[in-house]
Structures are given as C-alpha cells and as structure tokens.
Amino acid sequence: MKHKDYYDDNYIQDFSKKLALVIPDFDQKLFLDNLIGTLDNKELFARFDCIVDAMQKSVGNDYSKNIEGFFNLLGPELKEAKGMLSFGWWLWPVSRYVERYGNYDWELSLEFLKELTKRFTGEYAIRPLLKEHPAQVMDQLIIWTKDENVHVRRLASEGVRIRLPWSPKLFVALNEFERYSAILTNLKDDQEKFVQKSVGNNLNDLYKEDPEKAEIIIEKWRKTGQSKAQEWIIKHGMRNKKAD
C-alpha cells in the first residue's frame, strides 16, 4: 500500500472519533462532510492539507485550547528508537496542523512537539517555529540534546537540518551557527545510531551549503578527543564531500 492510501475514508472515520474524545467543541459531522469521498484522487501531502483544513473548520479557532486537547490524543510513548513511522502514521495530520498554525502559540507548540516526537516525528512541524523564533527555539533544542528520550534528542538535530527531505530549505544552521554547532556538538558522542545518523546528515547538508563551517565543527570536535560515535558521524557527514 502506498503511504497516501493509508489516509482513506476509514482513517477519517477513525480519526474523527479520536478527535471527538479530546476536543469538546469538535464538530464531527462537519469534519466528515468535508472529507468523506474527497481524498482518493489526491497525493500524500494534499491529503494532509485537506484533513487539516477540515480540522481547522471543525475544532474552532482557539489554537492553544486545541493543542491542549491534542496532548490527550497521543497515547503511549515509543519504547525504542524505532517504530516512529509504523506506529505513528495516524498522527501525521496532527503534526501538519502544528506545522501550519504552530506560531499562534509557539511555546506551547514546542512543548507539544516534545511529546509528539516520542510517538511520531515532529521534524516538519518544528521548522516554522525555528524560522520565526530561531534563537529561542534553538536554545530549547540545546537543552533537548541532553534529554533521556532518544526521540527528543533526535528531533533536536533533525529539525535544524538545512535540507530536510520533503521540506523547504531552512538556514538557521548558518544564521545561528553558534547555537547550531552547540546542538551537534552535544550529540556527537550519542550512542544511538538513530541520533548519529541525524547529526551526520546535518553535516552532510552543511557541506553542501558552507563547507568551511562544516570543517570548523569537525576540527573543534577532533581537538577534544575521539569516540566511535563521533568518527561514524564525521564519516557519514563527509560522504559526499568532494576530494581536495
């Protein structure tokens, strides 16, 4: 089954029941009337946007109140550094809702994404927050690099990538380089491959945009010692670097 086909009429019916449990003013009939029978000819992200449009019409305009409800929607945390997509597919429209409207209350949105990422990725939804409030959000991500939850640590890295797939380029890595460097440096010895891969992909993106800045980070790391995790990250980050 293609990813887009997951979001069909059966999904809409089930999702509407979940929303009705956590949003007291949710207009379930309006939500269903806007979506049932309308998604079959649409691609993945077009389906998300249709669902979010219907959510916005049906849950009311109090963004912060809606997010408070969504906290009760999430369910149990993932126990391992895998299963994010296989378990959390049904949450993607919630993430898309935050991606579109999160700056109405960016601090609450950031708090919510910390919980969302323990069940499903928040890497797309956090990028508009980073774009509008780069210093403040990155200061929080620096704290997240020390979190005990692997998914929170991974989001601290993945969200600031310049070239995140399926997302417009984001240049906080260049514009807030000191903070960006602190995020990657705090994660350079992380023992989870899930996190290491994200940090390496950050370096790879950075090499494509500003190789000198990538070299600054790596040179700084090598002056402070080596670890297997760090060397793997560097190798992964330099995999597309052109030979001198």
Protein backbone atom coordinates (compact mmCIF):
# COMPACT_ATOMS: atom_id res chain seq x y z
CA MET A 1 0.00 0.00 0.00
CA LYS A 2 1.27 3.47 -0.86
CA HIS A 3 1.65 5.87 2.05
CA LYS A 4 -1.13 8.12 0.76
CA ASP A 5 -3.63 5.25 0.69
CA TYR A 6 -3.44 4.94 4.47
CA TYR A 7 -5.40 8.21 4.72
CA ASP A 8 -8.72 6.98 3.30
CA ASP A 9 -12.33 7.18 4.39
CA ASN A 10 -11.80 4.52 7.06
CA TYR A 11 -8.95 6.55 8.52
CA ILE A 12 -11.09 9.69 8.50
CA GLN A 13 -13.89 7.91 10.36
CA ASP A 14 -11.49 6.57 13.00
CA PHE A 15 -9.60 9.85 13.34
CA SER A 16 -12.85 11.79 13.80
CA LYS A 17 -13.78 9.54 16.72
CA LYS A 18 -10.40 10.19 18.35
CA LEU A 19 -10.78 13.96 17.92
CA ALA A 20 -14.29 13.87 19.39
CA LEU A 21 -12.88 12.37 22.60
CA VAL A 22 -10.37 15.17 23.24
CA ILE A 23 -11.91 18.32 21.67
CA PRO A 24 -15.22 19.14 23.40
CA ASP A 25 -16.38 21.57 20.70
CA PHE A 26 -15.35 19.34 17.79
CA ASP A 27 -17.99 19.30 15.01
CA GLN A 28 -17.65 15.70 13.91
CA LYS A 29 -20.38 15.92 11.25
CA LEU A 30 -18.78 18.96 9.60
CA PHE A 31 -15.40 17.22 9.63
CA LEU A 32 -16.76 14.09 7.98
CA ASP A 33 -18.86 16.02 5.46
CA ASN A 34 -15.74 17.89 4.31
CA LEU A 35 -13.63 14.77 3.84
CA ILE A 36 -15.52 11.55 3.15
CA GLY A 37 -15.14 10.63 -0.52
CA THR A 38 -12.78 13.51 -1.33
CA LEU A 39 -9.25 12.11 -0.84
CA ASP A 40 -8.92 9.25 -3.34
CA ASN A 41 -7.51 11.37 -6.18
CA LYS A 42 -5.05 13.32 -4.03
CA GLU A 43 -1.38 12.78 -3.24
CA LEU A 44 0.01 12.37 0.27
CA PHE A 45 0.60 15.95 1.37
CA ALA A 46 -2.52 17.16 -0.40
CA ARG A 47 -4.46 14.70 1.75
CA PHE A 48 -2.83 16.07 4.87
CA ASP A 49 -3.78 19.59 3.93
CA CYS A 50 -7.37 18.62 3.22
CA ILE A 51 -7.57 16.93 6.61
CA VAL A 52 -6.03 19.95 8.35
CA ASP A 53 -8.41 22.32 6.53
CA ALA A 54 -11.31 20.24 7.81
CA MET A 55 -9.80 20.15 11.30
CA GLN A 56 -9.48 23.92 11.37
CA LYS A 57 -13.14 24.33 10.42
CA SER A 58 -14.30 21.73 12.94
CA VAL A 59 -12.26 22.30 16.09
CA GLY A 60 -12.65 26.06 16.43
CA ASN A 61 -10.18 28.93 16.32
CA ASP A 62 -8.67 28.65 19.80
CA TYR A 63 -5.33 27.13 18.80
CA SER A 64 -3.97 26.81 22.33
CA LYS A 65 -7.13 25.09 23.54
CA ASN A 66 -6.95 22.67 20.62
CA ILE A 67 -3.33 21.80 21.37
CA GLU A 68 -4.19 21.16 24.99
CA GLY A 69 -6.71 18.66 23.70
CA PHE A 70 -4.17 17.06 21.38
CA PHE A 71 -1.94 16.27 24.35
CA ASN A 72 -4.65 13.79 25.39
CA LEU A 73 -4.69 12.25 21.92
CA LEU A 74 -1.14 10.97 21.82
CA GLY A 75 -1.21 7.66 23.66
CA PRO A 76 1.81 5.70 24.97
CA GLU A 77 5.40 6.61 24.16
CA LEU A 78 7.56 4.51 21.88
CA LYS A 79 9.83 2.26 23.90
CA GLU A 80 12.71 2.12 21.40
CA ALA A 81 14.48 4.21 18.79
CA LYS A 82 12.37 2.66 16.07
CA GLY A 83 8.72 2.33 15.17
CA MET A 84 8.15 6.07 14.77
CA LEU A 85 6.51 5.75 11.38
CA SER A 86 4.96 2.31 11.72
CA PHE A 87 3.30 3.28 15.00
CA GLY A 88 2.58 6.95 14.47
CA TRP A 89 1.28 7.31 10.92
CA TRP A 90 -2.17 8.23 12.18
CA LEU A 91 -0.72 11.30 13.94
CA TRP A 92 0.71 12.95 10.83
CA PRO A 93 -2.30 15.29 10.30
CA VAL A 94 -1.86 16.49 13.89
CA SER A 95 1.79 17.26 13.13
CA ARG A 96 0.70 19.02 9.94
CA TYR A 97 -1.80 21.11 11.93
CA VAL A 98 1.01 22.28 14.22
CA GLU A 99 3.26 22.88 11.22
CA ARG A 100 0.68 25.24 9.74
CA TYR A 101 -0.60 27.02 12.84
CA GLY A 102 2.06 26.48 15.49
CA ASN A 103 3.28 30.05 15.66
CA TYR A 104 -0.06 31.16 17.12
CA ASP A 105 1.44 29.88 20.38
CA TRP A 106 4.95 28.78 19.57
CA GLU A 107 5.98 27.99 23.14
CA LEU A 108 3.02 25.66 23.68
CA SER A 109 3.65 24.17 20.23
CA LEU A 110 7.24 23.43 21.16
CA GLU A 111 6.11 21.77 24.38
CA PHE A 112 3.63 19.69 22.40
CA LEU A 113 6.20 18.65 19.80
CA LYS A 114 8.45 17.33 22.55
CA GLU A 115 5.66 14.92 23.43
CA LEU A 116 4.59 14.23 19.84
CA THR A 117 8.10 13.19 18.81
CA LYS A 118 8.01 10.41 21.42
CA ARG A 119 5.26 8.83 19.28
CA PHE A 120 5.78 10.32 15.80
CA THR A 121 8.17 12.69 14.12
CA GLY A 122 7.95 16.41 14.85
CA GLU A 123 10.75 17.38 12.46
CA TYR A 124 8.47 19.10 9.93
CA ALA A 125 6.24 20.85 12.44
CA ILE A 126 9.17 22.41 14.30
CA ARG A 127 10.62 24.16 11.26
CA PRO A 128 8.14 27.08 11.09
CA LEU A 129 8.85 27.68 14.78
CA LEU A 130 12.58 27.75 14.05
CA LYS A 131 12.03 30.11 11.14
CA GLU A 132 10.09 32.64 13.21
CA HIS A 133 11.87 32.25 16.57
CA PRO A 134 15.29 30.79 15.72
CA ALA A 135 17.28 31.80 18.80
CA GLN A 136 14.62 30.94 21.35
CA VAL A 137 13.73 27.58 19.80
CA MET A 138 17.36 26.58 19.31
CA ASP A 139 18.11 27.43 22.94
CA GLN A 140 15.44 24.91 23.86
CA LEU A 141 16.84 22.35 21.41
CA ILE A 142 20.23 22.68 23.08
CA ILE A 143 18.53 21.58 26.31
CA TRP A 144 16.80 18.74 24.45
CA THR A 145 20.16 17.34 23.33
CA LYS A 146 20.60 16.19 26.93
CA ASP A 147 17.15 14.62 27.21
CA GLU A 148 16.95 10.96 28.23
CA ASN A 149 14.49 10.23 25.42
CA VAL A 150 16.21 9.30 22.14
CA HIS A 151 13.39 10.74 20.04
CA VAL A 152 13.68 14.14 21.72
CA ARG A 153 17.44 14.18 21.17
CA ARG A 154 16.98 13.17 17.55
CA LEU A 155 14.42 15.94 16.96
CA ALA A 156 16.89 18.49 18.35
CA SER A 157 19.17 17.56 15.46
CA GLU A 158 16.77 16.60 12.66
CA GLY A 159 14.67 19.75 12.90
CA VAL A 160 17.60 22.09 12.19
CA ARG A 161 18.80 20.29 9.05
CA ILE A 162 19.23 22.64 6.11
CA ARG A 163 17.99 20.13 3.55
CA LEU A 164 15.42 18.01 5.33
CA PRO A 165 13.68 15.85 2.70
CA TRP A 166 10.10 16.90 1.84
CA SER A 167 10.69 20.33 3.39
CA PRO A 168 11.88 23.74 2.13
CA LYS A 169 15.46 24.62 2.96
CA LEU A 170 15.97 26.15 6.39
CA PHE A 171 19.06 28.24 7.12
CA VAL A 172 19.12 28.53 10.91
CA ALA A 173 22.29 26.41 10.77
CA LEU A 174 24.05 29.31 9.06
CA ASN A 175 22.25 32.24 10.68
CA GLU A 176 22.54 30.87 14.22
CA PHE A 177 25.77 28.96 13.72
CA GLU A 178 26.95 29.10 17.33
CA ARG A 179 23.71 27.58 18.58
CA TYR A 180 23.63 25.09 15.70
CA SER A 181 27.18 23.99 16.47
CA ALA A 182 26.26 23.55 20.14
CA ILE A 183 23.36 21.24 19.19
CA LEU A 184 25.55 19.00 17.05
CA THR A 185 28.44 19.06 19.49
CA ASN A 186 26.23 17.93 22.37
CA LEU A 187 25.16 14.96 20.25
CA LYS A 188 28.49 13.96 18.69
CA ASP A 189 29.03 11.09 21.13
CA ASP A 190 25.42 9.91 21.33
CA GLN A 191 25.30 6.12 21.48
CA GLU A 192 22.07 5.76 19.49
CA LYS A 193 22.60 5.23 15.76
CA PHE A 194 19.21 6.93 15.21
CA VAL A 195 20.72 10.16 16.56
CA GLN A 196 24.14 9.67 14.98
CA LYS A 197 22.58 9.39 11.52
CA SER A 198 20.71 12.66 12.00
CA VAL A 199 23.84 14.51 13.13
CA GLY A 200 25.80 13.08 10.21
CA ASN A 201 23.07 14.18 7.80
CA ASN A 202 23.28 17.65 9.29
CA LEU A 203 26.98 17.79 8.50
CA ASN A 204 26.34 16.47 5.00
CA ASP A 205 23.77 19.22 4.41
CA LEU A 206 26.17 21.81 5.81
CA TYR A 207 28.97 20.67 3.49
CA LYS A 208 26.69 21.36 0.54
CA GLU A 209 25.91 24.91 1.70
CA ASP A 210 29.00 26.08 3.58
CA PRO A 211 31.91 23.59 3.69
CA GLU A 212 34.05 25.90 5.79
CA LYS A 213 31.53 25.87 8.61
CA ALA A 214 31.35 22.07 8.46
CA GLU A 215 35.13 21.92 8.75
CA ILE A 216 35.05 24.30 11.73
CA ILE A 217 32.75 21.93 13.61
CA ILE A 218 34.75 18.81 12.81
CA GLU A 219 38.09 20.45 13.64
CA LYS A 220 36.71 21.55 17.00
CA TRP A 221 35.49 18.02 17.74
CA ARG A 222 38.82 16.41 16.90
CA LYS A 223 40.63 18.73 19.28
CA THR A 224 38.54 17.49 22.18
CA GLY A 225 39.00 13.75 21.69
CA GLN A 226 37.54 10.94 19.64
CA SER A 227 34.83 8.34 20.03
CA LYS A 228 33.43 5.68 17.74
CA ALA A 229 30.17 7.60 17.54
CA GLN A 230 31.91 10.83 16.61
CA GLU A 231 34.03 9.21 13.91
CA TRP A 232 31.00 7.48 12.42
CA ILE A 233 29.12 10.80 12.36
CA ILE A 234 32.04 12.56 10.67
CA LYS A 235 32.39 9.83 8.06
CA HIS A 236 28.66 9.92 7.38
CA GLY A 237 28.70 13.70 7.19
CA MET A 238 31.62 13.76 4.74
CA ARG A 239 30.30 11.02 2.45
CA ASN A 240 29.55 13.42 -0.40
CA LYS A 241 32.47 15.77 0.20
CA LYS A 242 34.46 16.37 -2.93
CA ALA A 243 38.10 15.41 -2.76
CA ASP A 244 40.53 18.33 -2.47
